[in-house]
Amino acid sequence: MRHSGRVAIEVRGLTKTFVTGRRRARRTIEAVRDISFSVEPGERVAYIGPNGAGKSTSIKVLTGILHATSGEVQVLGLVPWRDRRRLTRRIGTLFGQRSQLWFELTPLQSFRLLAAIHRIERAEAQARVAELAELLDAGDLFDQPIRSLSLGQRMRCELAACMLHRPEILFLDEPTIGLDLLAKQLFRDLLVRLNHERGTTIFLTSHDVADVEHVARRVVIVNHGSIIYDDAVATLRRTLLATKLIEVGLSSAVDIPALDGVTVLEHTATAARLAVDTARRSVRDVLDVLLDTWPVADISVVDPPLEDVIAEIYGAPR
């Protein structure tokens, strides 16, 4: 992986406004407000926030789709909207709701078209496809029509497509949306492997707290167009992600005894919802107690909603 030695992403005072309406109804909306941050080569950064926070607008500016209204932005030393063609050769983009593969073709046929677009020689393209097939454990998928693949399988092929030209930075906008739990975990593991083995810088937006915990090492949280938090994921985990939720389906009614570190949020004859303070008690210990003593029909461990995490940041002492 080639890096110039400079920072991968440099943002200073980025503001992006949109004008909506006509005549007297015209108004200016500030989607992003005076944002500043930098990303070093090889970092794994989660850029998160609620709907309307400014995440997608920011990523569109960083990839050159939108112009900044004011401020300075450089990605790999290039101003994205001025040097979009040059930048495209050095970055990869993957949006969970948008495909760069042709549904009636196989992934391999799509890769050949993409290789031609990126002016990659045929022999080199074949070598890169073989390398990606091994890296992503997806070789058996490349000869099947895209329309016949599951969403999780298709997203592995999408990841291969955006890595074909060996980008230095990978921008991902909600890449795990719609995937089942196993497919999500596999996809997260693949992103970390790409970062470890190729040094690819990862810039990720997601509403899934687990994406942040398992992929990123740093988290930047934006809300109402401004950055409200920028720190290591390990710090966020210790301070704001110390609570896990356990949802239990019951085959019969049961009285819930008091458990240290566990708060009962909901309890009916057929279900219970518990909050576990992992600083006081491990999730595994609580699961062991529940499975040994309760009539458990179903059980799952989930993260608190991202909106709750952001609300807690606002309420935390600064």
C-alpha atoms as a PDB file:
ATOM      1  CA  MET A   1       0.000   0.000   0.000  1.00  0.00           C
ATOM      2  CA  ARG A   2       1.502   3.306  -1.082  1.00  0.00           C
ATOM      3  CA  HIS A   3       1.263   6.317   1.225  1.00  0.00           C
ATOM      4  CA  SER A   4       2.773   9.720   0.641  1.00  0.00           C
ATOM      5  CA  GLY A   5       3.726  10.214   4.289  1.00  0.00           C
ATOM      6  CA  ARG A   6       1.202  13.030   4.758  1.00  0.00           C
ATOM      7  CA  VAL A   7      -2.098  12.609   6.586  1.00  0.00           C
ATOM      8  CA  ALA A   8      -4.696  10.640   4.668  1.00  0.00           C
ATOM      9  CA  ILE A   9      -7.569  13.071   5.358  1.00  0.00           C
ATOM     10  CA  GLU A  10      -7.275  16.697   6.485  1.00  0.00           C
ATOM     11  CA  VAL A  11     -10.433  18.722   7.211  1.00  0.00           C
ATOM     12  CA  ARG A  12     -10.331  22.283   8.558  1.00  0.00           C
ATOM     13  CA  GLY A  13     -13.449  24.357   9.153  1.00  0.00           C
ATOM     14  CA  LEU A  14     -15.611  22.384   6.716  1.00  0.00           C
ATOM     15  CA  THR A  15     -19.066  23.883   6.280  1.00  0.00           C
ATOM     16  CA  LYS A  16     -21.669  22.749   3.773  1.00  0.00           C
ATOM     17  CA  THR A  17     -24.977  24.563   3.294  1.00  0.00           C
ATOM     18  CA  PHE A  18     -27.930  23.914   1.015  1.00  0.00           C
ATOM     19  CA  VAL A  19     -30.586  26.381  -0.137  1.00  0.00           C
ATOM     20  CA  THR A  20     -34.112  24.992  -0.289  1.00  0.00           C
ATOM     21  CA  GLY A  21     -37.480  26.417  -1.290  1.00  0.00           C
ATOM     22  CA  ARG A  22     -38.310  29.268  -3.649  1.00  0.00           C
ATOM     23  CA  ARG A  23     -38.680  33.020  -3.269  1.00  0.00           C
ATOM     24  CA  ARG A  24     -39.990  33.908   0.211  1.00  0.00           C
ATOM     25  CA  ALA A  25     -39.886  30.261   1.248  1.00  0.00           C
ATOM     26  CA  ARG A  26     -36.171  30.017   0.493  1.00  0.00           C
ATOM     27  CA  ARG A  27     -34.015  29.056   3.445  1.00  0.00           C
ATOM     28  CA  THR A  28     -30.458  27.950   4.049  1.00  0.00           C
ATOM     29  CA  ILE A  29     -29.799  24.612   5.756  1.00  0.00           C
ATOM     30  CA  GLU A  30     -26.408  24.078   7.378  1.00  0.00           C
ATOM     31  CA  ALA A  31     -25.783  20.332   6.940  1.00  0.00           C
ATOM     32  CA  VAL A  32     -22.184  20.471   8.204  1.00  0.00           C
ATOM     33  CA  ARG A  33     -20.908  23.241  10.468  1.00  0.00           C
ATOM     34  CA  ASP A  34     -17.223  24.153  10.932  1.00  0.00           C
ATOM     35  CA  ILE A  35     -15.938  20.568  11.229  1.00  0.00           C
ATOM     36  CA  SER A  36     -12.223  19.885  11.682  1.00  0.00           C
ATOM     37  CA  PHE A  37     -10.390  16.562  11.999  1.00  0.00           C
ATOM     38  CA  SER A  38      -7.544  14.599  10.442  1.00  0.00           C
ATOM     39  CA  VAL A  39      -7.004  10.908   9.746  1.00  0.00           C
ATOM     40  CA  GLU A  40      -3.587   9.286   9.602  1.00  0.00           C
ATOM     41  CA  PRO A  41      -2.710   6.654   6.978  1.00  0.00           C
ATOM     42  CA  GLY A  42      -3.766   3.200   8.151  1.00  0.00           C
ATOM     43  CA  GLU A  43      -6.274   4.428  10.755  1.00  0.00           C
ATOM     44  CA  ARG A  44      -9.686   2.791  11.198  1.00  0.00           C
ATOM     45  CA  VAL A  45     -12.156   5.590  11.947  1.00  0.00           C
ATOM     46  CA  ALA A  46     -15.901   5.392  12.571  1.00  0.00           C
ATOM     47  CA  TYR A  47     -17.706   8.619  11.710  1.00  0.00           C
ATOM     48  CA  ILE A  48     -21.140   8.243  13.256  1.00  0.00           C
ATOM     49  CA  GLY A  49     -24.276  10.041  14.368  1.00  0.00           C
ATOM     50  CA  PRO A  50     -28.076   9.970  14.068  1.00  0.00           C
ATOM     51  CA  ASN A  51     -30.004  10.545  10.837  1.00  0.00           C
ATOM     52  CA  GLY A  52     -29.555  14.106   9.619  1.00  0.00           C
ATOM     53  CA  ALA A  53     -26.354  14.619  11.606  1.00  0.00           C
ATOM     54  CA  GLY A  54     -24.244  15.437   8.531  1.00  0.00           C
ATOM     55  CA  LYS A  55     -22.446  12.096   8.045  1.00  0.00           C
ATOM     56  CA  SER A  56     -23.461  11.410   4.451  1.00  0.00           C
ATOM     57  CA  THR A  57     -22.908  15.035   3.455  1.00  0.00           C
ATOM     58  CA  SER A  58     -19.394  14.912   4.921  1.00  0.00           C
ATOM     59  CA  ILE A  59     -18.507  11.694   3.119  1.00  0.00           C
ATOM     60  CA  LYS A  60     -19.820  13.094  -0.169  1.00  0.00           C
ATOM     61  CA  VAL A  61     -17.545  16.121   0.240  1.00  0.00           C
ATOM     62  CA  LEU A  62     -14.577  13.876   1.109  1.00  0.00           C
ATOM     63  CA  THR A  63     -15.121  11.783  -2.028  1.00  0.00           C
ATOM     64  CA  GLY A  64     -15.668  14.792  -4.310  1.00  0.00           C
ATOM     65  CA  ILE A  65     -19.372  14.314  -4.982  1.00  0.00           C
ATOM     66  CA  LEU A  66     -20.203  17.643  -3.283  1.00  0.00           C
ATOM     67  CA  HIS A  67     -18.289  20.923  -3.050  1.00  0.00           C
ATOM     68  CA  ALA A  68     -17.614  22.442   0.355  1.00  0.00           C
ATOM     69  CA  THR A  69     -19.315  25.784   0.975  1.00  0.00           C
ATOM     70  CA  SER A  70     -16.316  26.910   3.029  1.00  0.00           C
ATOM     71  CA  GLY A  71     -13.290  25.450   4.756  1.00  0.00           C
ATOM     72  CA  GLU A  72     -10.361  23.346   3.561  1.00  0.00           C
ATOM     73  CA  VAL A  73     -10.447  19.641   2.690  1.00  0.00           C
ATOM     74  CA  GLN A  74      -7.640  17.444   1.414  1.00  0.00           C
ATOM     75  CA  VAL A  75      -7.781  13.696   0.840  1.00  0.00           C
ATOM     76  CA  LEU A  76      -4.387  12.161   0.006  1.00  0.00           C
ATOM     77  CA  GLY A  77      -3.164  15.683  -0.698  1.00  0.00           C
ATOM     78  CA  LEU A  78      -5.946  16.377  -3.230  1.00  0.00           C
ATOM     79  CA  VAL A  79      -8.941  18.696  -2.997  1.00  0.00           C
ATOM     80  CA  PRO A  80     -11.713  16.165  -3.648  1.00  0.00           C
ATOM     81  CA  TRP A  81     -14.106  18.202  -5.808  1.00  0.00           C
ATOM     82  CA  ARG A  82     -11.284  19.750  -7.876  1.00  0.00           C
ATOM     83  CA  ASP A  83      -9.297  16.554  -8.389  1.00  0.00           C
ATOM     84  CA  ARG A  84     -12.103  14.014  -8.353  1.00  0.00           C
ATOM     85  CA  ARG A  85     -10.796  11.956 -11.270  1.00  0.00           C
ATOM     86  CA  ARG A  86      -7.312  11.632  -9.772  1.00  0.00           C
ATOM     87  CA  LEU A  87      -8.760  10.928  -6.331  1.00  0.00           C
ATOM     88  CA  THR A  88     -11.070   8.200  -7.666  1.00  0.00           C
ATOM     89  CA  ARG A  89      -8.006   6.191  -8.704  1.00  0.00           C
ATOM     90  CA  ARG A  90      -6.743   6.209  -5.109  1.00  0.00           C
ATOM     91  CA  ILE A  91      -9.882   5.677  -3.020  1.00  0.00           C
ATOM     92  CA  GLY A  92     -12.605   3.039  -2.830  1.00  0.00           C
ATOM     93  CA  THR A  93     -16.227   3.690  -1.925  1.00  0.00           C
ATOM     94  CA  LEU A  94     -18.837   1.227  -0.724  1.00  0.00           C
ATOM     95  CA  PHE A  95     -22.371   2.312   0.079  1.00  0.00           C
ATOM     96  CA  GLY A  96     -24.705  -0.271   1.606  1.00  0.00           C
ATOM     97  CA  GLN A  97     -27.676   0.849  -0.509  1.00  0.00           C
ATOM     98  CA  ARG A  98     -25.847   1.283  -3.821  1.00  0.00           C
ATOM     99  CA  SER A  99     -24.199  -1.398  -5.974  1.00  0.00           C
ATOM    100  CA  GLN A 100     -21.281  -1.052  -8.373  1.00  0.00           C
ATOM    101  CA  LEU A 101     -21.847  -4.549  -9.755  1.00  0.00           C
ATOM    102  CA  TRP A 102     -24.122  -5.449 -12.679  1.00  0.00           C
ATOM    103  CA  PHE A 103     -26.886  -7.756 -11.432  1.00  0.00           C
ATOM    104  CA  GLU A 104     -27.202  -9.791 -14.637  1.00  0.00           C
ATOM    105  CA  LEU A 105     -23.459 -10.492 -14.742  1.00  0.00           C
ATOM    106  CA  THR A 106     -21.202 -12.541 -12.526  1.00  0.00           C
ATOM    107  CA  PRO A 107     -18.854 -10.659 -10.178  1.00  0.00           C
ATOM    108  CA  LEU A 108     -15.939 -11.784 -12.346  1.00  0.00           C
ATOM    109  CA  GLN A 109     -17.491 -10.183 -15.424  1.00  0.00           C
ATOM    110  CA  SER A 110     -18.111  -6.987 -13.454  1.00  0.00           C
ATOM    111  CA  PHE A 111     -14.494  -7.008 -12.246  1.00  0.00           C
ATOM    112  CA  ARG A 112     -13.277  -7.147 -15.848  1.00  0.00           C
ATOM    113  CA  LEU A 113     -15.348  -4.078 -16.711  1.00  0.00           C
ATOM    114  CA  LEU A 114     -14.110  -2.228 -13.627  1.00  0.00           C
ATOM    115  CA  ALA A 115     -10.510  -3.180 -14.425  1.00  0.00           C
ATOM    116  CA  ALA A 116     -10.946  -1.652 -17.884  1.00  0.00           C
ATOM    117  CA  ILE A 117     -12.378   1.536 -16.352  1.00  0.00           C
ATOM    118  CA  HIS A 118      -9.354   1.778 -14.034  1.00  0.00           C
ATOM    119  CA  ARG A 119      -6.999   0.893 -16.927  1.00  0.00           C
ATOM    120  CA  ILE A 120      -5.612  -2.169 -15.209  1.00  0.00           C
ATOM    121  CA  GLU A 121      -3.845  -4.576 -17.576  1.00  0.00           C
ATOM    122  CA  ARG A 122      -5.647  -7.895 -18.037  1.00  0.00           C
ATOM    123  CA  ALA A 123      -2.910 -10.061 -16.483  1.00  0.00           C
ATOM    124  CA  GLU A 124      -2.599  -7.699 -13.526  1.00  0.00           C
ATOM    125  CA  ALA A 125      -6.379  -7.636 -13.073  1.00  0.00           C
ATOM    126  CA  GLN A 126      -6.492 -11.449 -13.034  1.00  0.00           C
ATOM    127  CA  ALA A 127      -3.766 -11.539 -10.393  1.00  0.00           C
ATOM    128  CA  ARG A 128      -5.596  -8.983  -8.239  1.00  0.00           C
ATOM    129  CA  VAL A 129      -8.907 -10.875  -8.515  1.00  0.00           C
ATOM    130  CA  ALA A 130      -7.185 -14.093  -7.434  1.00  0.00           C
ATOM    131  CA  GLU A 131      -5.590 -12.268  -4.506  1.00  0.00           C
ATOM    132  CA  LEU A 132      -8.934 -10.776  -3.425  1.00  0.00           C
ATOM    133  CA  ALA A 133     -10.673 -14.142  -3.773  1.00  0.00           C
ATOM    134  CA  GLU A 134      -8.230 -15.611  -1.272  1.00  0.00           C
ATOM    135  CA  LEU A 135      -8.196 -12.595   1.027  1.00  0.00           C
ATOM    136  CA  LEU A 136     -12.006 -12.363   1.208  1.00  0.00           C
ATOM    137  CA  ASP A 137     -12.629 -16.120   1.004  1.00  0.00           C
ATOM    138  CA  ALA A 138     -14.980 -15.423  -1.916  1.00  0.00           C
ATOM    139  CA  GLY A 139     -13.533 -17.266  -4.900  1.00  0.00           C
ATOM    140  CA  ASP A 140     -16.532 -19.607  -5.144  1.00  0.00           C
ATOM    141  CA  LEU A 141     -18.847 -16.576  -5.478  1.00  0.00           C
ATOM    142  CA  PHE A 142     -17.133 -14.849  -8.392  1.00  0.00           C
ATOM    143  CA  ASP A 143     -18.628 -17.101 -11.104  1.00  0.00           C
ATOM    144  CA  GLN A 144     -22.235 -16.895  -9.876  1.00  0.00           C
ATOM    145  CA  PRO A 145     -24.691 -14.267 -11.171  1.00  0.00           C
ATOM    146  CA  ILE A 146     -25.002 -11.390  -8.727  1.00  0.00           C
ATOM    147  CA  ARG A 147     -28.803 -11.794  -8.647  1.00  0.00           C
ATOM    148  CA  SER A 148     -28.403 -15.338  -7.258  1.00  0.00           C
ATOM    149  CA  LEU A 149     -26.235 -14.305  -4.288  1.00  0.00           C
ATOM    150  CA  SER A 150     -27.441 -13.538  -0.773  1.00  0.00           C
ATOM    151  CA  LEU A 151     -26.972  -9.972   0.465  1.00  0.00           C
ATOM    152  CA  GLY A 152     -24.001 -11.022   2.610  1.00  0.00           C
ATOM    153  CA  GLN A 153     -22.342 -12.775  -0.348  1.00  0.00           C
ATOM    154  CA  ARG A 154     -23.007  -9.805  -2.607  1.00  0.00           C
ATOM    155  CA  MET A 155     -21.424  -7.399  -0.113  1.00  0.00           C
ATOM    156  CA  ARG A 156     -18.230  -9.490  -0.092  1.00  0.00           C
ATOM    157  CA  CYS A 157     -18.163  -9.164  -3.878  1.00  0.00           C
ATOM    158  CA  GLU A 158     -18.856  -5.416  -3.580  1.00  0.00           C
ATOM    159  CA  LEU A 159     -15.872  -5.144  -1.237  1.00  0.00           C
ATOM    160  CA  ALA A 160     -13.697  -6.976  -3.766  1.00  0.00           C
ATOM    161  CA  ALA A 161     -14.900  -4.616  -6.514  1.00  0.00           C
ATOM    162  CA  CYS A 162     -13.955  -1.468  -4.616  1.00  0.00           C
ATOM    163  CA  MET A 163     -10.545  -2.956  -3.668  1.00  0.00           C
ATOM    164  CA  LEU A 164      -9.664  -4.038  -7.212  1.00  0.00           C
ATOM    165  CA  HIS A 165      -7.619  -0.902  -7.961  1.00  0.00           C
ATOM    166  CA  ARG A 166      -5.884  -1.108  -4.539  1.00  0.00           C
ATOM    167  CA  PRO A 167      -7.216   2.105  -2.973  1.00  0.00           C
ATOM    168  CA  GLU A 168      -5.345   3.765  -0.148  1.00  0.00           C
ATOM    169  CA  ILE A 169      -8.559   4.814   1.620  1.00  0.00           C
ATOM    170  CA  LEU A 170     -11.823   2.888   1.805  1.00  0.00           C
ATOM    171  CA  PHE A 171     -14.947   4.989   2.444  1.00  0.00           C
ATOM    172  CA  LEU A 172     -17.897   2.911   3.653  1.00  0.00           C
ATOM    173  CA  ASP A 173     -21.380   4.324   4.246  1.00  0.00           C
ATOM    174  CA  GLU A 174     -23.645   1.900   6.185  1.00  0.00           C
ATOM    175  CA  PRO A 175     -21.968  -1.183   4.639  1.00  0.00           C
ATOM    176  CA  THR A 176     -23.632  -3.766   6.918  1.00  0.00           C
ATOM    177  CA  ILE A 177     -27.203  -2.493   6.573  1.00  0.00           C
ATOM    178  CA  GLY A 178     -29.591  -5.375   5.986  1.00  0.00           C
ATOM    179  CA  LEU A 179     -27.054  -8.121   6.724  1.00  0.00           C
ATOM    180  CA  ASP A 180     -27.794 -10.889   9.213  1.00  0.00           C
ATOM    181  CA  LEU A 181     -25.635 -11.248  12.333  1.00  0.00           C
ATOM    182  CA  LEU A 182     -23.212 -13.798  10.888  1.00  0.00           C
ATOM    183  CA  ALA A 183     -22.773 -11.861   7.630  1.00  0.00           C
ATOM    184  CA  LYS A 184     -22.166  -8.658   9.589  1.00  0.00           C
ATOM    185  CA  GLN A 185     -19.432 -10.273  11.689  1.00  0.00           C
ATOM    186  CA  LEU A 186     -17.749 -11.764   8.614  1.00  0.00           C
ATOM    187  CA  PHE A 187     -17.820  -8.396   6.856  1.00  0.00           C
ATOM    188  CA  ARG A 188     -16.326  -6.625   9.887  1.00  0.00           C
ATOM    189  CA  ASP A 189     -13.548  -9.219  10.078  1.00  0.00           C
ATOM    190  CA  LEU A 190     -12.776  -8.668   6.386  1.00  0.00           C
ATOM    191  CA  LEU A 191     -12.411  -4.906   6.878  1.00  0.00           C
ATOM    192  CA  VAL A 192      -9.985  -5.391   9.766  1.00  0.00           C
ATOM    193  CA  ARG A 193      -8.012  -7.925   7.715  1.00  0.00           C
ATOM    194  CA  LEU A 194      -7.737  -5.479   4.792  1.00  0.00           C
ATOM    195  CA  ASN A 195      -6.432  -2.854   7.178  1.00  0.00           C
ATOM    196  CA  HIS A 196      -3.895  -5.219   8.767  1.00  0.00           C
ATOM    197  CA  GLU A 197      -2.634  -6.865   5.592  1.00  0.00           C
ATOM    198  CA  ARG A 198      -2.756  -3.925   3.167  1.00  0.00           C
ATOM    199  CA  GLY A 199      -2.594  -0.886   5.416  1.00  0.00           C
ATOM    200  CA  THR A 200      -5.851   0.402   3.923  1.00  0.00           C
ATOM    201  CA  THR A 201      -7.262   3.405   5.772  1.00  0.00           C
ATOM    202  CA  ILE A 202     -10.861   2.711   6.807  1.00  0.00           C
ATOM    203  CA  PHE A 203     -13.405   5.546   7.106  1.00  0.00           C
ATOM    204  CA  LEU A 204     -16.742   4.086   8.163  1.00  0.00           C
ATOM    205  CA  THR A 205     -20.210   5.450   8.848  1.00  0.00           C
ATOM    206  CA  SER A 206     -22.790   3.214  10.503  1.00  0.00           C
ATOM    207  CA  HIS A 207     -25.829   3.170  12.770  1.00  0.00           C
ATOM    208  CA  ASP A 208     -24.719  -0.176  14.197  1.00  0.00           C
ATOM    209  CA  VAL A 209     -22.749   0.231  17.430  1.00  0.00           C
ATOM    210  CA  ALA A 210     -21.211  -3.220  16.866  1.00  0.00           C
ATOM    211  CA  ASP A 211     -19.639  -1.989  13.603  1.00  0.00           C
ATOM    212  CA  VAL A 212     -17.914   0.730  15.588  1.00  0.00           C
ATOM    213  CA  GLU A 213     -16.726  -1.621  18.341  1.00  0.00           C
ATOM    214  CA  HIS A 214     -15.408  -4.346  16.045  1.00  0.00           C
ATOM    215  CA  VAL A 215     -13.976  -2.364  13.107  1.00  0.00           C
ATOM    216  CA  ALA A 216     -12.844   1.057  14.298  1.00  0.00           C
ATOM    217  CA  ARG A 217     -10.083   2.065  16.676  1.00  0.00           C
ATOM    218  CA  ARG A 218     -11.230   5.691  16.784  1.00  0.00           C
ATOM    219  CA  VAL A 219     -14.712   7.169  16.762  1.00  0.00           C
ATOM    220  CA  VAL A 220     -15.813  10.633  15.668  1.00  0.00           C
ATOM    221  CA  ILE A 221     -19.434  11.434  16.547  1.00  0.00           C
ATOM    222  CA  VAL A 222     -21.244  14.209  14.720  1.00  0.00           C
ATOM    223  CA  ASN A 223     -24.650  15.631  15.583  1.00  0.00           C
ATOM    224  CA  HIS A 224     -26.537  18.595  14.145  1.00  0.00           C
ATOM    225  CA  GLY A 225     -23.638  19.127  11.749  1.00  0.00           C
ATOM    226  CA  SER A 226     -20.922  19.456  14.414  1.00  0.00           C
ATOM    227  CA  ILE A 227     -18.428  17.084  16.033  1.00  0.00           C
ATOM    228  CA  ILE A 228     -19.383  16.316  19.631  1.00  0.00           C
ATOM    229  CA  TYR A 229     -16.923  13.504  20.381  1.00  0.00           C
ATOM    230  CA  ASP A 230     -13.547  12.351  19.017  1.00  0.00           C
ATOM    231  CA  ASP A 231     -11.639   9.667  20.927  1.00  0.00           C
ATOM    232  CA  ALA A 232     -10.431   6.081  20.887  1.00  0.00           C
ATOM    233  CA  VAL A 233     -13.082   3.358  20.697  1.00  0.00           C
ATOM    234  CA  ALA A 234     -11.482   1.790  23.775  1.00  0.00           C
ATOM    235  CA  THR A 235     -12.280   4.973  25.718  1.00  0.00           C
ATOM    236  CA  LEU A 236     -15.831   5.035  24.387  1.00  0.00           C
ATOM    237  CA  ARG A 237     -16.262   1.386  25.374  1.00  0.00           C
ATOM    238  CA  ARG A 238     -15.085   2.034  28.928  1.00  0.00           C
ATOM    239  CA  THR A 239     -17.220   5.117  29.470  1.00  0.00           C
ATOM    240  CA  LEU A 240     -20.292   4.933  27.247  1.00  0.00           C
ATOM    241  CA  LEU A 241     -20.590   1.372  25.937  1.00  0.00           C
ATOM    242  CA  ALA A 242     -20.276  -0.310  29.313  1.00  0.00           C
ATOM    243  CA  THR A 243     -23.938  -1.345  29.146  1.00  0.00           C
ATOM    244  CA  LYS A 244     -25.139  -4.368  27.168  1.00  0.00           C
ATOM    245  CA  LEU A 245     -28.759  -5.358  26.719  1.00  0.00           C
ATOM    246  CA  ILE A 246     -29.948  -8.948  27.065  1.00  0.00           C
ATOM    247  CA  GLU A 247     -33.313  -9.865  25.559  1.00  0.00           C
ATOM    248  CA  VAL A 248     -34.773 -13.143  26.827  1.00  0.00           C
ATOM    249  CA  GLY A 249     -37.742 -15.093  25.498  1.00  0.00           C
ATOM    250  CA  LEU A 250     -39.346 -17.262  28.220  1.00  0.00           C
ATOM    251  CA  SER A 251     -41.181 -20.555  27.815  1.00  0.00           C
ATOM    252  CA  SER A 252     -43.025 -19.925  31.092  1.00  0.00           C
ATOM    253  CA  ALA A 253     -43.447 -17.155  33.649  1.00  0.00           C
ATOM    254  CA  VAL A 254     -40.618 -16.666  36.144  1.00  0.00           C
ATOM    255  CA  ASP A 255     -39.793 -14.379  39.056  1.00  0.00           C
ATOM    256  CA  ILE A 256     -36.635 -12.388  38.428  1.00  0.00           C
ATOM    257  CA  PRO A 257     -34.235 -12.363  41.394  1.00  0.00           C
ATOM    258  CA  ALA A 258     -31.953  -9.416  42.044  1.00  0.00           C
ATOM    259  CA  LEU A 259     -28.628  -9.811  40.227  1.00  0.00           C
ATOM    260  CA  ASP A 260     -25.647  -7.589  40.948  1.00  0.00           C
ATOM    261  CA  GLY A 261     -24.899  -5.316  37.984  1.00  0.00           C
ATOM    262  CA  VAL A 262     -28.185  -6.157  36.237  1.00  0.00           C
ATOM    263  CA  THR A 263     -31.187  -3.846  35.835  1.00  0.00           C
ATOM    264  CA  VAL A 264     -34.567  -5.199  34.727  1.00  0.00           C
ATOM    265  CA  LEU A 265     -35.939  -2.901  32.003  1.00  0.00           C
ATOM    266  CA  GLU A 266     -38.988  -4.986  31.030  1.00  0.00           C
ATOM    267  CA  HIS A 267     -40.563  -8.170  32.362  1.00  0.00           C
ATOM    268  CA  THR A 268     -43.632 -10.055  31.149  1.00  0.00           C
ATOM    269  CA  ALA A 269     -44.724 -13.675  31.369  1.00  0.00           C
ATOM    270  CA  THR A 270     -43.035 -14.438  28.052  1.00  0.00           C
ATOM    271  CA  ALA A 271     -40.085 -12.052  27.857  1.00  0.00           C
ATOM    272  CA  ALA A 272     -37.565 -10.003  29.814  1.00  0.00           C
ATOM    273  CA  ARG A 273     -35.174  -7.230  28.860  1.00  0.00           C
ATOM    274  CA  LEU A 274     -32.127  -6.661  31.069  1.00  0.00           C
ATOM    275  CA  ALA A 275     -29.341  -4.073  31.127  1.00  0.00           C
ATOM    276  CA  VAL A 276     -25.937  -5.361  32.223  1.00  0.00           C
ATOM    277  CA  ASP A 277     -23.265  -3.044  33.620  1.00  0.00           C
ATOM    278  CA  THR A 278     -20.181  -4.798  32.227  1.00  0.00           C
ATOM    279  CA  ALA A 279     -17.925  -2.840  34.580  1.00  0.00           C
ATOM    280  CA  ARG A 280     -19.543  -4.741  37.466  1.00  0.00           C
ATOM    281  CA  ARG A 281     -20.456  -8.068  35.914  1.00  0.00           C
ATOM    282  CA  SER A 282     -19.568  -9.839  32.677  1.00  0.00           C
ATOM    283  CA  VAL A 283     -22.218 -10.617  30.107  1.00  0.00           C
ATOM    284  CA  ARG A 284     -21.045 -14.226  30.040  1.00  0.00           C
ATOM    285  CA  ASP A 285     -21.628 -14.608  33.773  1.00  0.00           C
ATOM    286  CA  VAL A 286     -25.160 -13.239  33.442  1.00  0.00           C
ATOM    287  CA  LEU A 287     -25.889 -15.549  30.505  1.00  0.00           C
ATOM    288  CA  ASP A 288     -24.665 -18.549  32.514  1.00  0.00           C
ATOM    289  CA  VAL A 289     -27.031 -17.659  35.377  1.00  0.00           C
ATOM    290  CA  LEU A 290     -29.998 -17.152  33.055  1.00  0.00           C
ATOM    291  CA  LEU A 291     -29.471 -20.368  31.092  1.00  0.00           C
ATOM    292  CA  ASP A 292     -29.004 -22.401  34.277  1.00  0.00           C
ATOM    293  CA  THR A 293     -31.985 -21.059  36.243  1.00  0.00           C
ATOM    294  CA  TRP A 294     -34.562 -19.606  33.802  1.00  0.00           C
ATOM    295  CA  PRO A 295     -36.913 -21.351  31.309  1.00  0.00           C
ATOM    296  CA  VAL A 296     -35.142 -19.688  28.369  1.00  0.00           C
ATOM    297  CA  ALA A 297     -36.734 -20.155  24.955  1.00  0.00           C
ATOM    298  CA  ASP A 298     -34.592 -17.567  23.169  1.00  0.00           C
ATOM    299  CA  ILE A 299     -31.830 -15.164  24.163  1.00  0.00           C
ATOM    300  CA  SER A 300     -29.784 -12.442  22.489  1.00  0.00           C
ATOM    301  CA  VAL A 301     -27.267  -9.788  23.477  1.00  0.00           C
ATOM    302  CA  VAL A 302     -27.603  -6.404  21.789  1.00  0.00           C
ATOM    303  CA  ASP A 303     -25.980  -2.997  22.007  1.00  0.00           C
ATOM    304  CA  PRO A 304     -27.797   0.099  23.251  1.00  0.00           C
ATOM    305  CA  PRO A 305     -29.152   2.205  20.370  1.00  0.00           C
ATOM    306  CA  LEU A 306     -26.684   4.719  18.964  1.00  0.00           C
ATOM    307  CA  GLU A 307     -29.116   7.515  19.840  1.00  0.00           C
ATOM    308  CA  ASP A 308     -28.843   6.514  23.516  1.00  0.00           C
ATOM    309  CA  VAL A 309     -25.038   6.631  23.327  1.00  0.00           C
ATOM    310  CA  ILE A 310     -25.165  10.120  21.810  1.00  0.00           C
ATOM    311  CA  ALA A 311     -27.672  11.280  24.438  1.00  0.00           C
ATOM    312  CA  GLU A 312     -25.315  10.010  27.122  1.00  0.00           C
ATOM    313  CA  ILE A 313     -22.444  11.980  25.571  1.00  0.00           C
ATOM    314  CA  TYR A 314     -24.520  15.147  25.813  1.00  0.00           C
ATOM    315  CA  GLY A 315     -25.289  14.368  29.447  1.00  0.00           C
ATOM    316  CA  ALA A 316     -21.722  13.391  30.396  1.00  0.00           C
ATOM    317  CA  PRO A 317     -19.484  15.947  32.135  1.00  0.00           C
ATOM    318  CA  ARG A 318     -17.062  17.501  29.677  1.00  0.00           C
END
